[in-house]
Amino acid sequence: MRLRALRRAVALGFALAACILSYWLSRVRGPFSLPQRAEWLHRAARRVAKALGIGCVVRGQPPSQGLVVSNHLSYLDIVIISSVMPCFFVSKLEVQRWPYFGEAARSGGTIFIDRNSRASTAGVARQIGERLNLRIPVLLFPEGTSSDGAQVLRFHSSLFEPAIAEGAAVTAAAVRYGLEAGRQERDLCWFDDTAFLPHLWKTLGSARFSAEVTFGDSRQYSDRREAARATHDEVVAMRAQEQLSAFSHQLSAPSR
């Protein structure tokens, strides 16, 4: 496990260095617009996912604009989803202080929210409304925190309001981690008060794992609370279907 973690740490270091170089090369060429920042983060996430050895299966069609809402298991979700499609994330304020990843998030156009401040929530809602007019989707984790995957937590509805006001489409997305036999999704989840760097080291040393991202159909809603309830139920259903598919695959796999 330690040797695997060291190998991946070195690969991750090279990937991050390449991401930094590509960012500054893009900056010196001229103005770096918000869509260009999202595209840069998309390419950077693909490099990081490859360095971490994460394979990703996509089900459904990733949207090209509007609001996307997803369950939240770990900081890995950001790498995984951004490797699938360019998007703007809405993230908690604390992420800004993370080594490298905080700077990468700012560079990629992430919108930061202080969930303990109503003024911050109002300001973030305005920013989301402005971004919804661009042809890059905004990605929101409406649970407000990451979980251990045992259940999808209640979706907070306040940040659905910009999509309602703008008449923008809302797309539900479900993230799931797939691990080798004998290990559970919970082993990769980052939740409660677990420190970031120790968890990252544990992740680097993990045996091969993959991710599945399932996208539902894009829909418009007239009420933010209804949008939160409907997309929550859709994510729960997609997660259950993904688990059933994985279980069926294990049953059909030949024994060794």
C-alpha atoms as a PDB file:
ATOM      1  CA  MET A   1       0.000   0.000   0.000  1.00  0.00           C
ATOM      2  CA  ARG A   2       2.796   2.451   0.885  1.00  0.00           C
ATOM      3  CA  LEU A   3       4.667   1.788  -2.361  1.00  0.00           C
ATOM      4  CA  ARG A   4       1.462   2.250  -4.361  1.00  0.00           C
ATOM      5  CA  ALA A   5       0.805   5.521  -2.544  1.00  0.00           C
ATOM      6  CA  LEU A   6       4.327   6.755  -3.307  1.00  0.00           C
ATOM      7  CA  ARG A   7       4.028   5.880  -7.000  1.00  0.00           C
ATOM      8  CA  ARG A   8       0.698   7.660  -7.282  1.00  0.00           C
ATOM      9  CA  ALA A   9       1.975  10.641  -5.303  1.00  0.00           C
ATOM     10  CA  VAL A  10       4.832  11.058  -7.783  1.00  0.00           C
ATOM     11  CA  ALA A  11       2.445  10.690 -10.743  1.00  0.00           C
ATOM     12  CA  LEU A  12       0.088  13.190  -9.121  1.00  0.00           C
ATOM     13  CA  GLY A  13       2.951  15.635  -8.593  1.00  0.00           C
ATOM     14  CA  PHE A  14       3.890  15.522 -12.284  1.00  0.00           C
ATOM     15  CA  ALA A  15       0.235  15.904 -13.285  1.00  0.00           C
ATOM     16  CA  LEU A  16      -0.207  18.940 -11.042  1.00  0.00           C
ATOM     17  CA  ALA A  17       2.974  20.517 -12.382  1.00  0.00           C
ATOM     18  CA  ALA A  18       1.692  20.046 -15.941  1.00  0.00           C
ATOM     19  CA  CYS A  19      -1.632  21.619 -14.951  1.00  0.00           C
ATOM     20  CA  ILE A  20       0.103  24.661 -13.459  1.00  0.00           C
ATOM     21  CA  LEU A  21       2.252  25.088 -16.561  1.00  0.00           C
ATOM     22  CA  SER A  22      -0.746  24.855 -18.900  1.00  0.00           C
ATOM     23  CA  TYR A  23      -2.625  27.404 -16.775  1.00  0.00           C
ATOM     24  CA  TRP A  24       0.129  30.032 -16.944  1.00  0.00           C
ATOM     25  CA  LEU A  25       0.698  29.414 -20.643  1.00  0.00           C
ATOM     26  CA  SER A  26      -3.002  30.100 -21.174  1.00  0.00           C
ATOM     27  CA  ARG A  27      -2.792  33.274 -19.092  1.00  0.00           C
ATOM     28  CA  VAL A  28       0.163  34.753 -20.990  1.00  0.00           C
ATOM     29  CA  ARG A  29      -1.566  34.231 -24.332  1.00  0.00           C
ATOM     30  CA  GLY A  30      -4.208  36.801 -23.479  1.00  0.00           C
ATOM     31  CA  PRO A  31      -7.505  37.242 -21.587  1.00  0.00           C
ATOM     32  CA  PHE A  32      -8.595  34.083 -19.783  1.00  0.00           C
ATOM     33  CA  SER A  33     -12.407  34.031 -19.852  1.00  0.00           C
ATOM     34  CA  LEU A  34     -14.656  32.061 -17.499  1.00  0.00           C
ATOM     35  CA  PRO A  35     -15.479  29.406 -20.145  1.00  0.00           C
ATOM     36  CA  GLN A  36     -11.744  29.035 -20.837  1.00  0.00           C
ATOM     37  CA  ARG A  37     -11.118  28.564 -17.112  1.00  0.00           C
ATOM     38  CA  ALA A  38     -13.728  25.780 -17.005  1.00  0.00           C
ATOM     39  CA  GLU A  39     -12.120  24.130 -20.032  1.00  0.00           C
ATOM     40  CA  TRP A  40      -8.708  24.342 -18.356  1.00  0.00           C
ATOM     41  CA  LEU A  41     -10.083  22.703 -15.194  1.00  0.00           C
ATOM     42  CA  HIS A  42     -11.658  19.979 -17.353  1.00  0.00           C
ATOM     43  CA  ARG A  43      -8.275  19.142 -18.913  1.00  0.00           C
ATOM     44  CA  ALA A  44      -6.507  19.374 -15.535  1.00  0.00           C
ATOM     45  CA  ALA A  45      -9.028  17.019 -13.922  1.00  0.00           C
ATOM     46  CA  ARG A  46      -8.474  14.449 -16.662  1.00  0.00           C
ATOM     47  CA  ARG A  47      -4.732  14.543 -15.945  1.00  0.00           C
ATOM     48  CA  VAL A  48      -5.283  14.188 -12.203  1.00  0.00           C
ATOM     49  CA  ALA A  49      -7.780  11.328 -12.629  1.00  0.00           C
ATOM     50  CA  LYS A  50      -5.266   9.475 -14.777  1.00  0.00           C
ATOM     51  CA  ALA A  51      -2.504  10.035 -12.198  1.00  0.00           C
ATOM     52  CA  LEU A  52      -4.766   8.665  -9.457  1.00  0.00           C
ATOM     53  CA  GLY A  53      -5.681   5.667 -11.580  1.00  0.00           C
ATOM     54  CA  ILE A  54      -9.402   6.456 -11.553  1.00  0.00           C
ATOM     55  CA  GLY A  55     -11.404   4.929 -14.378  1.00  0.00           C
ATOM     56  CA  CYS A  56     -14.754   6.589 -15.026  1.00  0.00           C
ATOM     57  CA  VAL A  57     -17.948   5.262 -16.603  1.00  0.00           C
ATOM     58  CA  VAL A  58     -20.499   7.839 -17.777  1.00  0.00           C
ATOM     59  CA  ARG A  59     -24.158   6.948 -18.149  1.00  0.00           C
ATOM     60  CA  GLY A  60     -26.587   9.355 -19.774  1.00  0.00           C
ATOM     61  CA  GLN A  61     -25.723  12.609 -21.533  1.00  0.00           C
ATOM     62  CA  PRO A  62     -23.708  15.281 -19.690  1.00  0.00           C
ATOM     63  CA  PRO A  63     -25.514  18.622 -20.169  1.00  0.00           C
ATOM     64  CA  SER A  64     -23.837  21.545 -21.930  1.00  0.00           C
ATOM     65  CA  GLN A  65     -25.452  24.236 -19.779  1.00  0.00           C
ATOM     66  CA  GLY A  66     -27.888  24.859 -16.939  1.00  0.00           C
ATOM     67  CA  LEU A  67     -27.695  23.719 -13.317  1.00  0.00           C
ATOM     68  CA  VAL A  68     -26.423  20.226 -12.452  1.00  0.00           C
ATOM     69  CA  VAL A  69     -27.039  18.853  -8.950  1.00  0.00           C
ATOM     70  CA  SER A  70     -25.253  15.813  -7.568  1.00  0.00           C
ATOM     71  CA  ASN A  71     -24.778  13.786  -4.422  1.00  0.00           C
ATOM     72  CA  HIS A  72     -21.438  14.401  -2.709  1.00  0.00           C
ATOM     73  CA  LEU A  73     -19.072  11.695  -1.425  1.00  0.00           C
ATOM     74  CA  SER A  74     -15.598  13.239  -1.447  1.00  0.00           C
ATOM     75  CA  TYR A  75     -13.280  15.834  -2.963  1.00  0.00           C
ATOM     76  CA  LEU A  76     -12.754  13.113  -5.583  1.00  0.00           C
ATOM     77  CA  ASP A  77     -16.198  14.023  -6.957  1.00  0.00           C
ATOM     78  CA  ILE A  78     -14.769  17.331  -8.191  1.00  0.00           C
ATOM     79  CA  VAL A  79     -11.989  15.582 -10.118  1.00  0.00           C
ATOM     80  CA  ILE A  80     -14.346  12.948 -11.485  1.00  0.00           C
ATOM     81  CA  ILE A  81     -17.173  15.222 -12.614  1.00  0.00           C
ATOM     82  CA  SER A  82     -14.835  17.871 -14.007  1.00  0.00           C
ATOM     83  CA  SER A  83     -12.986  15.183 -15.983  1.00  0.00           C
ATOM     84  CA  VAL A  84     -16.330  14.254 -17.581  1.00  0.00           C
ATOM     85  CA  MET A  85     -17.438  17.778 -18.560  1.00  0.00           C
ATOM     86  CA  PRO A  86     -16.381  21.420 -18.231  1.00  0.00           C
ATOM     87  CA  CYS A  87     -18.381  23.084 -15.449  1.00  0.00           C
ATOM     88  CA  PHE A  88     -18.315  25.722 -12.729  1.00  0.00           C
ATOM     89  CA  PHE A  89     -18.433  24.298  -9.209  1.00  0.00           C
ATOM     90  CA  VAL A  90     -20.122  25.821  -6.191  1.00  0.00           C
ATOM     91  CA  SER A  91     -17.898  24.887  -3.255  1.00  0.00           C
ATOM     92  CA  LYS A  92     -17.595  25.623   0.442  1.00  0.00           C
ATOM     93  CA  LEU A  93     -15.304  28.487   1.404  1.00  0.00           C
ATOM     94  CA  GLU A  94     -12.822  26.214   3.208  1.00  0.00           C
ATOM     95  CA  VAL A  95     -11.680  24.669  -0.081  1.00  0.00           C
ATOM     96  CA  GLN A  96      -9.794  27.888  -0.844  1.00  0.00           C
ATOM     97  CA  ARG A  97      -7.281  26.979   1.885  1.00  0.00           C
ATOM     98  CA  TRP A  98      -6.472  23.499   0.542  1.00  0.00           C
ATOM     99  CA  PRO A  99      -2.906  23.029  -0.741  1.00  0.00           C
ATOM    100  CA  TYR A 100      -2.843  23.447  -4.546  1.00  0.00           C
ATOM    101  CA  PHE A 101      -6.468  22.337  -4.956  1.00  0.00           C
ATOM    102  CA  GLY A 102      -7.770  25.605  -3.545  1.00  0.00           C
ATOM    103  CA  GLU A 103      -5.777  27.605  -6.074  1.00  0.00           C
ATOM    104  CA  ALA A 104      -6.845  25.248  -8.863  1.00  0.00           C
ATOM    105  CA  ALA A 105     -10.481  25.724  -7.871  1.00  0.00           C
ATOM    106  CA  ARG A 106     -10.152  29.523  -7.979  1.00  0.00           C
ATOM    107  CA  SER A 107      -8.331  29.323 -11.316  1.00  0.00           C
ATOM    108  CA  GLY A 108     -11.091  27.132 -12.743  1.00  0.00           C
ATOM    109  CA  GLY A 109     -13.838  29.625 -11.915  1.00  0.00           C
ATOM    110  CA  THR A 110     -15.260  27.959  -8.799  1.00  0.00           C
ATOM    111  CA  ILE A 111     -17.861  29.958  -6.868  1.00  0.00           C
ATOM    112  CA  PHE A 112     -17.173  29.822  -3.121  1.00  0.00           C
ATOM    113  CA  ILE A 113     -19.892  29.966  -0.498  1.00  0.00           C
ATOM    114  CA  ASP A 114     -19.816  30.550   3.251  1.00  0.00           C
ATOM    115  CA  ARG A 115     -22.751  28.389   4.283  1.00  0.00           C
ATOM    116  CA  ASN A 116     -22.971  30.171   7.641  1.00  0.00           C
ATOM    117  CA  SER A 117     -23.600  33.547   6.003  1.00  0.00           C
ATOM    118  CA  ARG A 118     -26.913  34.575   4.456  1.00  0.00           C
ATOM    119  CA  ALA A 119     -25.171  37.437   2.680  1.00  0.00           C
ATOM    120  CA  SER A 120     -22.756  34.943   1.101  1.00  0.00           C
ATOM    121  CA  THR A 121     -25.649  32.744  -0.021  1.00  0.00           C
ATOM    122  CA  ALA A 122     -27.368  35.718  -1.655  1.00  0.00           C
ATOM    123  CA  GLY A 123     -24.150  36.750  -3.417  1.00  0.00           C
ATOM    124  CA  VAL A 124     -23.515  33.217  -4.640  1.00  0.00           C
ATOM    125  CA  ALA A 125     -27.080  32.999  -5.955  1.00  0.00           C
ATOM    126  CA  ARG A 126     -26.432  36.121  -8.035  1.00  0.00           C
ATOM    127  CA  GLN A 127     -23.217  34.627  -9.424  1.00  0.00           C
ATOM    128  CA  ILE A 128     -24.959  31.367 -10.286  1.00  0.00           C
ATOM    129  CA  GLY A 129     -27.656  33.317 -12.126  1.00  0.00           C
ATOM    130  CA  GLU A 130     -24.995  35.088 -14.183  1.00  0.00           C
ATOM    131  CA  ARG A 131     -23.135  31.853 -14.964  1.00  0.00           C
ATOM    132  CA  LEU A 132     -26.340  30.149 -16.107  1.00  0.00           C
ATOM    133  CA  ASN A 133     -26.313  32.476 -19.113  1.00  0.00           C
ATOM    134  CA  LEU A 134     -23.028  30.921 -20.276  1.00  0.00           C
ATOM    135  CA  ARG A 135     -22.803  27.681 -22.243  1.00  0.00           C
ATOM    136  CA  ILE A 136     -21.060  25.940 -19.344  1.00  0.00           C
ATOM    137  CA  PRO A 137     -23.104  24.160 -16.648  1.00  0.00           C
ATOM    138  CA  VAL A 138     -22.947  25.090 -12.970  1.00  0.00           C
ATOM    139  CA  LEU A 139     -22.412  22.099 -10.653  1.00  0.00           C
ATOM    140  CA  LEU A 140     -23.971  22.212  -7.191  1.00  0.00           C
ATOM    141  CA  PHE A 141     -23.797  19.726  -4.302  1.00  0.00           C
ATOM    142  CA  PRO A 142     -27.104  20.595  -2.591  1.00  0.00           C
ATOM    143  CA  GLU A 143     -26.549  18.235   0.346  1.00  0.00           C
ATOM    144  CA  GLY A 144     -24.219  20.952   1.615  1.00  0.00           C
ATOM    145  CA  THR A 145     -21.596  18.427   2.753  1.00  0.00           C
ATOM    146  CA  SER A 146     -20.098  15.092   1.737  1.00  0.00           C
ATOM    147  CA  SER A 147     -21.411  11.825   3.155  1.00  0.00           C
ATOM    148  CA  ASP A 148     -20.377   8.201   3.650  1.00  0.00           C
ATOM    149  CA  GLY A 149     -22.655   7.117   0.793  1.00  0.00           C
ATOM    150  CA  ALA A 150     -25.095   5.228   3.023  1.00  0.00           C
ATOM    151  CA  GLN A 151     -27.852   7.619   1.965  1.00  0.00           C
ATOM    152  CA  VAL A 152     -28.344  10.777  -0.069  1.00  0.00           C
ATOM    153  CA  LEU A 153     -28.827  13.615   2.402  1.00  0.00           C
ATOM    154  CA  ARG A 154     -31.634  16.135   2.045  1.00  0.00           C
ATOM    155  CA  PHE A 155     -31.102  18.672  -0.746  1.00  0.00           C
ATOM    156  CA  HIS A 156     -31.129  22.299   0.395  1.00  0.00           C
ATOM    157  CA  SER A 157     -33.271  24.302  -2.002  1.00  0.00           C
ATOM    158  CA  SER A 158     -31.941  27.877  -1.684  1.00  0.00           C
ATOM    159  CA  LEU A 159     -29.396  27.695  -4.531  1.00  0.00           C
ATOM    160  CA  PHE A 160     -31.953  26.175  -6.898  1.00  0.00           C
ATOM    161  CA  GLU A 161     -33.616  29.599  -7.041  1.00  0.00           C
ATOM    162  CA  PRO A 162     -31.318  31.113  -9.726  1.00  0.00           C
ATOM    163  CA  ALA A 163     -32.269  28.290 -12.120  1.00  0.00           C
ATOM    164  CA  ILE A 164     -35.960  28.897 -11.414  1.00  0.00           C
ATOM    165  CA  ALA A 165     -35.584  32.645 -11.960  1.00  0.00           C
ATOM    166  CA  GLU A 166     -33.590  32.217 -15.178  1.00  0.00           C
ATOM    167  CA  GLY A 167     -35.786  29.421 -16.539  1.00  0.00           C
ATOM    168  CA  ALA A 168     -32.665  27.257 -16.785  1.00  0.00           C
ATOM    169  CA  ALA A 169     -32.727  23.489 -17.084  1.00  0.00           C
ATOM    170  CA  VAL A 170     -31.818  21.428 -14.012  1.00  0.00           C
ATOM    171  CA  THR A 171     -30.093  18.050 -14.413  1.00  0.00           C
ATOM    172  CA  ALA A 172     -29.667  15.461 -11.664  1.00  0.00           C
ATOM    173  CA  ALA A 173     -26.383  13.540 -11.516  1.00  0.00           C
ATOM    174  CA  ALA A 174     -25.436  10.559  -9.346  1.00  0.00           C
ATOM    175  CA  VAL A 175     -21.848   9.703  -8.402  1.00  0.00           C
ATOM    176  CA  ARG A 176     -20.829   6.259  -7.208  1.00  0.00           C
ATOM    177  CA  TYR A 177     -17.436   4.675  -6.492  1.00  0.00           C
ATOM    178  CA  GLY A 178     -16.721   1.107  -7.525  1.00  0.00           C
ATOM    179  CA  LEU A 179     -14.029  -0.830  -5.659  1.00  0.00           C
ATOM    180  CA  GLU A 180     -12.561  -4.290  -5.814  1.00  0.00           C
ATOM    181  CA  ALA A 181     -14.279  -7.142  -3.987  1.00  0.00           C
ATOM    182  CA  GLY A 182     -14.132  -6.899  -0.214  1.00  0.00           C
ATOM    183  CA  ARG A 183     -14.098  -3.107  -0.095  1.00  0.00           C
ATOM    184  CA  GLN A 184     -16.954  -0.677   0.314  1.00  0.00           C
ATOM    185  CA  GLU A 185     -17.673   2.713  -1.242  1.00  0.00           C
ATOM    186  CA  ARG A 186     -17.427   4.206   2.245  1.00  0.00           C
ATOM    187  CA  ASP A 187     -13.672   3.455   2.227  1.00  0.00           C
ATOM    188  CA  LEU A 188     -13.143   6.257  -0.312  1.00  0.00           C
ATOM    189  CA  CYS A 189     -15.671   8.738   1.048  1.00  0.00           C
ATOM    190  CA  TRP A 190     -14.451  11.841   2.876  1.00  0.00           C
ATOM    191  CA  PHE A 191     -16.879  12.862   5.585  1.00  0.00           C
ATOM    192  CA  ASP A 192     -17.271  14.139   9.146  1.00  0.00           C
ATOM    193  CA  ASP A 193     -14.030  15.610  10.524  1.00  0.00           C
ATOM    194  CA  THR A 194     -11.509  13.469   8.626  1.00  0.00           C
ATOM    195  CA  ALA A 195      -8.385  15.514   7.812  1.00  0.00           C
ATOM    196  CA  PHE A 196      -7.742  16.141   4.121  1.00  0.00           C
ATOM    197  CA  LEU A 197      -4.071  15.149   3.735  1.00  0.00           C
ATOM    198  CA  PRO A 198      -4.274  11.834   5.676  1.00  0.00           C
ATOM    199  CA  HIS A 199      -7.338  10.893   3.658  1.00  0.00           C
ATOM    200  CA  LEU A 200      -5.576  11.792   0.400  1.00  0.00           C
ATOM    201  CA  TRP A 201      -2.605   9.587   1.385  1.00  0.00           C
ATOM    202  CA  LYS A 202      -4.983   6.715   2.153  1.00  0.00           C
ATOM    203  CA  THR A 203      -6.669   7.248  -1.230  1.00  0.00           C
ATOM    204  CA  LEU A 204      -3.323   7.199  -3.033  1.00  0.00           C
ATOM    205  CA  GLY A 205      -2.609   3.840  -1.449  1.00  0.00           C
ATOM    206  CA  SER A 206      -5.993   2.325  -2.272  1.00  0.00           C
ATOM    207  CA  ALA A 207      -6.263  -0.596  -4.654  1.00  0.00           C
ATOM    208  CA  ARG A 208      -7.703   0.092  -8.084  1.00  0.00           C
ATOM    209  CA  PHE A 209     -11.053   1.820  -8.049  1.00  0.00           C
ATOM    210  CA  SER A 210     -13.425   3.383 -10.535  1.00  0.00           C
ATOM    211  CA  ALA A 211     -16.254   5.874 -10.607  1.00  0.00           C
ATOM    212  CA  GLU A 212     -19.653   5.988 -12.255  1.00  0.00           C
ATOM    213  CA  VAL A 213     -21.454   9.222 -13.080  1.00  0.00           C
ATOM    214  CA  THR A 214     -25.059   8.955 -14.215  1.00  0.00           C
ATOM    215  CA  PHE A 215     -26.924  11.937 -15.671  1.00  0.00           C
ATOM    216  CA  GLY A 216     -30.697  12.197 -15.747  1.00  0.00           C
ATOM    217  CA  ASP A 217     -32.828  14.168 -18.176  1.00  0.00           C
ATOM    218  CA  SER A 218     -32.709  17.968 -18.039  1.00  0.00           C
ATOM    219  CA  ARG A 219     -35.923  19.525 -16.716  1.00  0.00           C
ATOM    220  CA  GLN A 220     -37.289  22.968 -15.905  1.00  0.00           C
ATOM    221  CA  TYR A 221     -39.030  23.674 -12.603  1.00  0.00           C
ATOM    222  CA  SER A 222     -41.241  26.483 -11.376  1.00  0.00           C
ATOM    223  CA  ASP A 223     -40.512  26.037  -7.665  1.00  0.00           C
ATOM    224  CA  ARG A 224     -37.137  25.579  -5.979  1.00  0.00           C
ATOM    225  CA  ARG A 225     -38.437  23.258  -3.261  1.00  0.00           C
ATOM    226  CA  GLU A 226     -40.075  20.997  -5.806  1.00  0.00           C
ATOM    227  CA  ALA A 227     -36.846  21.023  -7.829  1.00  0.00           C
ATOM    228  CA  ALA A 228     -34.868  19.993  -4.728  1.00  0.00           C
ATOM    229  CA  ARG A 229     -37.301  17.178  -3.865  1.00  0.00           C
ATOM    230  CA  ALA A 230     -37.556  15.858  -7.420  1.00  0.00           C
ATOM    231  CA  THR A 231     -33.821  15.841  -8.114  1.00  0.00           C
ATOM    232  CA  HIS A 232     -33.074  14.281  -4.718  1.00  0.00           C
ATOM    233  CA  ASP A 233     -35.457  11.420  -5.471  1.00  0.00           C
ATOM    234  CA  GLU A 234     -33.938  11.055  -8.944  1.00  0.00           C
ATOM    235  CA  VAL A 235     -30.401  10.827  -7.554  1.00  0.00           C
ATOM    236  CA  VAL A 236     -31.520   8.231  -4.976  1.00  0.00           C
ATOM    237  CA  ALA A 237     -33.113   6.158  -7.763  1.00  0.00           C
ATOM    238  CA  MET A 238     -30.036   6.416 -10.008  1.00  0.00           C
ATOM    239  CA  ARG A 239     -27.740   5.409  -7.157  1.00  0.00           C
ATOM    240  CA  ALA A 240     -29.913   2.381  -6.419  1.00  0.00           C
ATOM    241  CA  GLN A 241     -29.873   1.375 -10.095  1.00  0.00           C
ATOM    242  CA  GLU A 242     -26.076   1.733 -10.241  1.00  0.00           C
ATOM    243  CA  GLN A 243     -25.667  -0.505  -7.207  1.00  0.00           C
ATOM    244  CA  LEU A 244     -28.001  -3.102  -8.740  1.00  0.00           C
ATOM    245  CA  SER A 245     -26.003  -3.047 -11.987  1.00  0.00           C
ATOM    246  CA  ALA A 246     -22.730  -3.487 -10.105  1.00  0.00           C
ATOM    247  CA  PHE A 247     -24.176  -6.395  -8.094  1.00  0.00           C
ATOM    248  CA  SER A 248     -25.460  -8.073 -11.278  1.00  0.00           C
ATOM    249  CA  HIS A 249     -22.023  -7.683 -12.856  1.00  0.00           C
ATOM    250  CA  GLN A 250     -20.383  -9.389  -9.868  1.00  0.00           C
ATOM    251  CA  LEU A 251     -22.841 -12.293 -10.099  1.00  0.00           C
ATOM    252  CA  SER A 252     -22.146 -12.754 -13.815  1.00  0.00           C
ATOM    253  CA  ALA A 253     -18.352 -12.525 -13.478  1.00  0.00           C
ATOM    254  CA  PRO A 254     -16.551 -15.871 -13.764  1.00  0.00           C
ATOM    255  CA  SER A 255     -15.121 -17.265 -10.542  1.00  0.00           C
ATOM    256  CA  ARG A 256     -11.340 -17.509 -10.179  1.00  0.00           C
END
